[in-house]
Amino acid sequence: MPTLVFQTTIQAPIDRCFDLARSIDFHVHSMARTGEVAIAGTTSGLIGEGEEVTWRARHFGVTQRLTSRVVECRRPEVFVDEQVRGAFHSFRHEHRFVAIDAGATSLTDTFTFRVPCGVLGRVVEVLVLRRYMHRVLTLHLANLKRALESDGWRRFLEAGEA
């Protein structure tokens, strides 16, 4: 199974980083390029353990639906979501946060996935999907960092929450 790991240092407090990373509204904003919208389950606000969200987005010119569930959520250290239904055979997305100091946070984002369709799926995974998912996640993490290191986060979180 392919695993993509991203390490990001963010000049913002850990609680704020954790909350913005699990904000449905921020995710929709960040993924506007793919037209990603939350259409069922938790469709706005902060998603928590046991909650599901169904996303509709356009990838490779095809509109797709994917449902994921938060299977672990320990504020502000970790939250993990896994696919329940969707185009992947399976995926697991771990978000781990460590406070560097009062004003900086280290985020380790780990995305592990498996595609369906046996050997053909494996070829697509190697030739296309791994690189595509790397680009999508890199863009999302850059948007997250940019919002957290400016006042952009305020649009998605109440000032008293972060």
C-alpha atoms as a PDB file:
ATOM      1  CA  MET A   1       0.000   0.000   0.000  1.00  0.00           C
ATOM      2  CA  PRO A   2       1.395   3.406  -0.911  1.00  0.00           C
ATOM      3  CA  THR A   3       2.027   5.808   1.953  1.00  0.00           C
ATOM      4  CA  LEU A   4       2.594   9.530   1.550  1.00  0.00           C
ATOM      5  CA  VAL A   5       4.098  11.371   4.520  1.00  0.00           C
ATOM      6  CA  PHE A   6       4.271  15.144   4.843  1.00  0.00           C
ATOM      7  CA  GLN A   7       6.045  17.071   7.610  1.00  0.00           C
ATOM      8  CA  THR A   8       5.013  20.706   8.061  1.00  0.00           C
ATOM      9  CA  THR A   9       6.076  23.275  10.636  1.00  0.00           C
ATOM     10  CA  ILE A  10       3.383  25.865  11.255  1.00  0.00           C
ATOM     11  CA  GLN A  11       3.892  29.094  13.164  1.00  0.00           C
ATOM     12  CA  ALA A  12       0.632  28.798  15.124  1.00  0.00           C
ATOM     13  CA  PRO A  13      -0.517  27.220  18.404  1.00  0.00           C
ATOM     14  CA  ILE A  14      -1.290  23.496  18.390  1.00  0.00           C
ATOM     15  CA  ASP A  15      -4.992  23.874  19.361  1.00  0.00           C
ATOM     16  CA  ARG A  16      -5.653  26.216  16.455  1.00  0.00           C
ATOM     17  CA  CYS A  17      -3.793  23.929  14.018  1.00  0.00           C
ATOM     18  CA  PHE A  18      -5.734  20.889  15.203  1.00  0.00           C
ATOM     19  CA  ASP A  19      -9.112  22.594  14.914  1.00  0.00           C
ATOM     20  CA  LEU A  20      -8.551  24.156  11.498  1.00  0.00           C
ATOM     21  CA  ALA A  21      -7.284  20.831  10.138  1.00  0.00           C
ATOM     22  CA  ARG A  22     -10.606  19.176  11.055  1.00  0.00           C
ATOM     23  CA  SER A  23     -12.804  22.052   9.898  1.00  0.00           C
ATOM     24  CA  ILE A  24     -15.181  20.926   7.161  1.00  0.00           C
ATOM     25  CA  ASP A  25     -15.646  24.541   6.040  1.00  0.00           C
ATOM     26  CA  PHE A  26     -11.894  25.101   5.685  1.00  0.00           C
ATOM     27  CA  HIS A  27     -11.506  21.829   3.773  1.00  0.00           C
ATOM     28  CA  VAL A  28     -14.179  22.926   1.270  1.00  0.00           C
ATOM     29  CA  HIS A  29     -12.416  26.288   0.877  1.00  0.00           C
ATOM     30  CA  SER A  30      -9.008  24.666   0.487  1.00  0.00           C
ATOM     31  CA  MET A  31     -10.221  22.141  -2.084  1.00  0.00           C
ATOM     32  CA  ALA A  32     -12.255  24.578  -4.196  1.00  0.00           C
ATOM     33  CA  ARG A  33     -10.117  23.628  -7.209  1.00  0.00           C
ATOM     34  CA  THR A  34     -11.712  20.163  -7.275  1.00  0.00           C
ATOM     35  CA  GLY A  35     -15.168  21.473  -6.433  1.00  0.00           C
ATOM     36  CA  GLU A  36     -15.139  19.380  -3.263  1.00  0.00           C
ATOM     37  CA  VAL A  37     -18.252  19.870  -1.131  1.00  0.00           C
ATOM     38  CA  ALA A  38     -19.616  18.081   1.921  1.00  0.00           C
ATOM     39  CA  ILE A  39     -23.028  16.656   0.990  1.00  0.00           C
ATOM     40  CA  ALA A  40     -23.964  14.316   3.865  1.00  0.00           C
ATOM     41  CA  GLY A  41     -23.061  13.575   7.465  1.00  0.00           C
ATOM     42  CA  THR A  42     -21.135  16.357   9.175  1.00  0.00           C
ATOM     43  CA  THR A  43     -21.243  19.051   6.491  1.00  0.00           C
ATOM     44  CA  SER A  44     -19.917  22.059   8.413  1.00  0.00           C
ATOM     45  CA  GLY A  45     -18.049  22.947  11.569  1.00  0.00           C
ATOM     46  CA  LEU A  46     -15.481  20.710  13.242  1.00  0.00           C
ATOM     47  CA  ILE A  47     -15.683  16.977  12.643  1.00  0.00           C
ATOM     48  CA  GLY A  48     -15.099  14.691  15.614  1.00  0.00           C
ATOM     49  CA  GLU A  49     -14.618  11.051  16.525  1.00  0.00           C
ATOM     50  CA  GLY A  50     -17.280   8.706  15.154  1.00  0.00           C
ATOM     51  CA  GLU A  51     -18.622  11.307  12.732  1.00  0.00           C
ATOM     52  CA  GLU A  52     -18.784  10.785   8.985  1.00  0.00           C
ATOM     53  CA  VAL A  53     -18.724  13.138   6.040  1.00  0.00           C
ATOM     54  CA  THR A  54     -19.599  12.385   2.434  1.00  0.00           C
ATOM     55  CA  TRP A  55     -17.697  14.466  -0.102  1.00  0.00           C
ATOM     56  CA  ARG A  56     -18.549  15.107  -3.732  1.00  0.00           C
ATOM     57  CA  ALA A  57     -15.653  16.238  -5.909  1.00  0.00           C
ATOM     58  CA  ARG A  58     -14.402  16.152  -9.458  1.00  0.00           C
ATOM     59  CA  HIS A  59     -11.164  14.229 -10.037  1.00  0.00           C
ATOM     60  CA  PHE A  60      -9.847  13.164 -13.441  1.00  0.00           C
ATOM     61  CA  GLY A  61     -12.925  14.751 -15.032  1.00  0.00           C
ATOM     62  CA  VAL A  62     -15.301  12.460 -13.126  1.00  0.00           C
ATOM     63  CA  THR A  63     -17.615  13.474 -10.295  1.00  0.00           C
ATOM     64  CA  GLN A  64     -17.039  11.118  -7.379  1.00  0.00           C
ATOM     65  CA  ARG A  65     -18.443  10.567  -3.893  1.00  0.00           C
ATOM     66  CA  LEU A  66     -16.395   9.452  -0.940  1.00  0.00           C
ATOM     67  CA  THR A  67     -17.462   8.917   2.661  1.00  0.00           C
ATOM     68  CA  SER A  68     -14.930   8.962   5.477  1.00  0.00           C
ATOM     69  CA  ARG A  69     -15.271   8.485   9.236  1.00  0.00           C
ATOM     70  CA  VAL A  70     -13.118   9.930  11.992  1.00  0.00           C
ATOM     71  CA  VAL A  71     -11.967   6.795  13.828  1.00  0.00           C
ATOM     72  CA  GLU A  72      -9.692   8.511  16.349  1.00  0.00           C
ATOM     73  CA  CYS A  73      -9.698  12.032  17.731  1.00  0.00           C
ATOM     74  CA  ARG A  74      -7.564  13.153  20.681  1.00  0.00           C
ATOM     75  CA  ARG A  75      -7.410  16.938  20.836  1.00  0.00           C
ATOM     76  CA  PRO A  76      -4.924  18.413  20.120  1.00  0.00           C
ATOM     77  CA  GLU A  77      -2.543  15.558  19.279  1.00  0.00           C
ATOM     78  CA  VAL A  78      -4.162  13.347  16.611  1.00  0.00           C
ATOM     79  CA  PHE A  79      -7.135  12.666  14.449  1.00  0.00           C
ATOM     80  CA  VAL A  80      -7.496   9.863  11.943  1.00  0.00           C
ATOM     81  CA  ASP A  81     -10.068   9.427   9.208  1.00  0.00           C
ATOM     82  CA  GLU A  82     -10.693   6.342   7.078  1.00  0.00           C
ATOM     83  CA  GLN A  83     -12.743   5.739   3.963  1.00  0.00           C
ATOM     84  CA  VAL A  84     -16.101   4.055   4.531  1.00  0.00           C
ATOM     85  CA  ARG A  85     -17.246   4.165   0.882  1.00  0.00           C
ATOM     86  CA  GLY A  86     -15.619   5.535  -2.239  1.00  0.00           C
ATOM     87  CA  ALA A  87     -13.241   5.098  -5.145  1.00  0.00           C
ATOM     88  CA  PHE A  88     -10.340   3.715  -3.123  1.00  0.00           C
ATOM     89  CA  HIS A  89     -10.277   0.131  -1.935  1.00  0.00           C
ATOM     90  CA  SER A  90      -9.285   1.752   1.368  1.00  0.00           C
ATOM     91  CA  PHE A  91      -7.485   4.733   2.832  1.00  0.00           C
ATOM     92  CA  ARG A  92      -6.299   5.935   6.214  1.00  0.00           C
ATOM     93  CA  HIS A  93      -5.359   9.578   6.793  1.00  0.00           C
ATOM     94  CA  GLU A  94      -3.516  10.397  10.032  1.00  0.00           C
ATOM     95  CA  HIS A  95      -2.955  13.968  11.230  1.00  0.00           C
ATOM     96  CA  ARG A  96      -0.467  14.188  14.137  1.00  0.00           C
ATOM     97  CA  PHE A  97       0.352  17.443  15.901  1.00  0.00           C
ATOM     98  CA  VAL A  98       3.224  18.238  18.279  1.00  0.00           C
ATOM     99  CA  ALA A  99       3.714  21.597  19.971  1.00  0.00           C
ATOM    100  CA  ILE A 100       7.216  22.857  19.267  1.00  0.00           C
ATOM    101  CA  ASP A 101       6.617  25.780  21.607  1.00  0.00           C
ATOM    102  CA  ALA A 102       3.644  28.007  22.504  1.00  0.00           C
ATOM    103  CA  GLY A 103       3.533  29.516  19.026  1.00  0.00           C
ATOM    104  CA  ALA A 104       4.657  26.731  16.679  1.00  0.00           C
ATOM    105  CA  THR A 105       3.395  23.270  15.769  1.00  0.00           C
ATOM    106  CA  SER A 106       4.782  20.321  13.863  1.00  0.00           C
ATOM    107  CA  LEU A 107       2.198  18.502  11.729  1.00  0.00           C
ATOM    108  CA  THR A 108       2.871  15.039  10.347  1.00  0.00           C
ATOM    109  CA  ASP A 109       0.272  14.082   7.761  1.00  0.00           C
ATOM    110  CA  THR A 110       0.288  10.415   6.683  1.00  0.00           C
ATOM    111  CA  PHE A 111      -1.969   9.156   3.897  1.00  0.00           C
ATOM    112  CA  THR A 112      -2.020   5.411   3.195  1.00  0.00           C
ATOM    113  CA  PHE A 113      -4.222   4.068   0.423  1.00  0.00           C
ATOM    114  CA  ARG A 114      -5.020   1.038  -1.672  1.00  0.00           C
ATOM    115  CA  VAL A 115      -6.777   1.056  -5.018  1.00  0.00           C
ATOM    116  CA  PRO A 116      -9.198  -1.563  -6.377  1.00  0.00           C
ATOM    117  CA  CYS A 117      -8.902  -3.504  -9.644  1.00  0.00           C
ATOM    118  CA  GLY A 118      -5.895  -5.724  -8.876  1.00  0.00           C
ATOM    119  CA  VAL A 119      -2.958  -5.420 -11.271  1.00  0.00           C
ATOM    120  CA  LEU A 120      -4.619  -2.704 -13.394  1.00  0.00           C
ATOM    121  CA  GLY A 121      -5.286  -0.680 -10.241  1.00  0.00           C
ATOM    122  CA  ARG A 122      -1.678  -1.110  -9.167  1.00  0.00           C
ATOM    123  CA  VAL A 123      -0.460   0.238 -12.539  1.00  0.00           C
ATOM    124  CA  VAL A 124      -2.753   3.290 -12.214  1.00  0.00           C
ATOM    125  CA  GLU A 125      -1.564   3.754  -8.640  1.00  0.00           C
ATOM    126  CA  VAL A 126       2.114   3.762  -9.647  1.00  0.00           C
ATOM    127  CA  LEU A 127       1.782   5.780 -12.869  1.00  0.00           C
ATOM    128  CA  VAL A 128      -0.856   8.333 -11.874  1.00  0.00           C
ATOM    129  CA  LEU A 129      -2.544   8.220  -8.499  1.00  0.00           C
ATOM    130  CA  ARG A 130       0.438   8.462  -6.157  1.00  0.00           C
ATOM    131  CA  ARG A 131       1.672  11.626  -7.891  1.00  0.00           C
ATOM    132  CA  TYR A 132      -1.859  13.078  -8.093  1.00  0.00           C
ATOM    133  CA  MET A 133      -2.558  12.491  -4.383  1.00  0.00           C
ATOM    134  CA  HIS A 134       0.823  14.008  -3.524  1.00  0.00           C
ATOM    135  CA  ARG A 135      -0.133  17.191  -5.426  1.00  0.00           C
ATOM    136  CA  VAL A 136      -3.615  17.369  -3.860  1.00  0.00           C
ATOM    137  CA  LEU A 137      -2.325  16.911  -0.311  1.00  0.00           C
ATOM    138  CA  THR A 138       0.602  19.305  -0.829  1.00  0.00           C
ATOM    139  CA  LEU A 139      -1.825  22.004  -1.999  1.00  0.00           C
ATOM    140  CA  HIS A 140      -4.164  21.411   0.940  1.00  0.00           C
ATOM    141  CA  LEU A 141      -1.307  21.541   3.477  1.00  0.00           C
ATOM    142  CA  ALA A 142       0.051  24.747   1.911  1.00  0.00           C
ATOM    143  CA  ASN A 143      -3.417  26.309   2.210  1.00  0.00           C
ATOM    144  CA  LEU A 144      -3.655  25.143   5.834  1.00  0.00           C
ATOM    145  CA  LYS A 145      -0.249  26.598   6.707  1.00  0.00           C
ATOM    146  CA  ARG A 146      -1.031  29.889   4.928  1.00  0.00           C
ATOM    147  CA  ALA A 147      -4.372  30.288   6.762  1.00  0.00           C
ATOM    148  CA  LEU A 148      -2.858  29.438  10.148  1.00  0.00           C
ATOM    149  CA  GLU A 149       0.101  31.779   9.745  1.00  0.00           C
ATOM    150  CA  SER A 150      -2.162  34.710   8.812  1.00  0.00           C
ATOM    151  CA  ASP A 151      -5.594  35.805   9.958  1.00  0.00           C
ATOM    152  CA  GLY A 152      -7.199  33.453   7.406  1.00  0.00           C
ATOM    153  CA  TRP A 153      -8.077  30.909  10.117  1.00  0.00           C
ATOM    154  CA  ARG A 154     -10.463  33.401  11.760  1.00  0.00           C
ATOM    155  CA  ARG A 155     -12.942  32.933   8.917  1.00  0.00           C
ATOM    156  CA  PHE A 156     -13.389  29.265   9.918  1.00  0.00           C
ATOM    157  CA  LEU A 157     -12.889  29.217  13.686  1.00  0.00           C
ATOM    158  CA  GLU A 158     -14.410  31.320  16.409  1.00  0.00           C
ATOM    159  CA  ALA A 159     -11.729  33.496  18.053  1.00  0.00           C
ATOM    160  CA  GLY A 160     -12.518  31.893  21.414  1.00  0.00           C
ATOM    161  CA  GLU A 161     -11.904  28.334  20.118  1.00  0.00           C
ATOM    162  CA  ALA A 162      -8.288  28.732  19.066  1.00  0.00           C
END
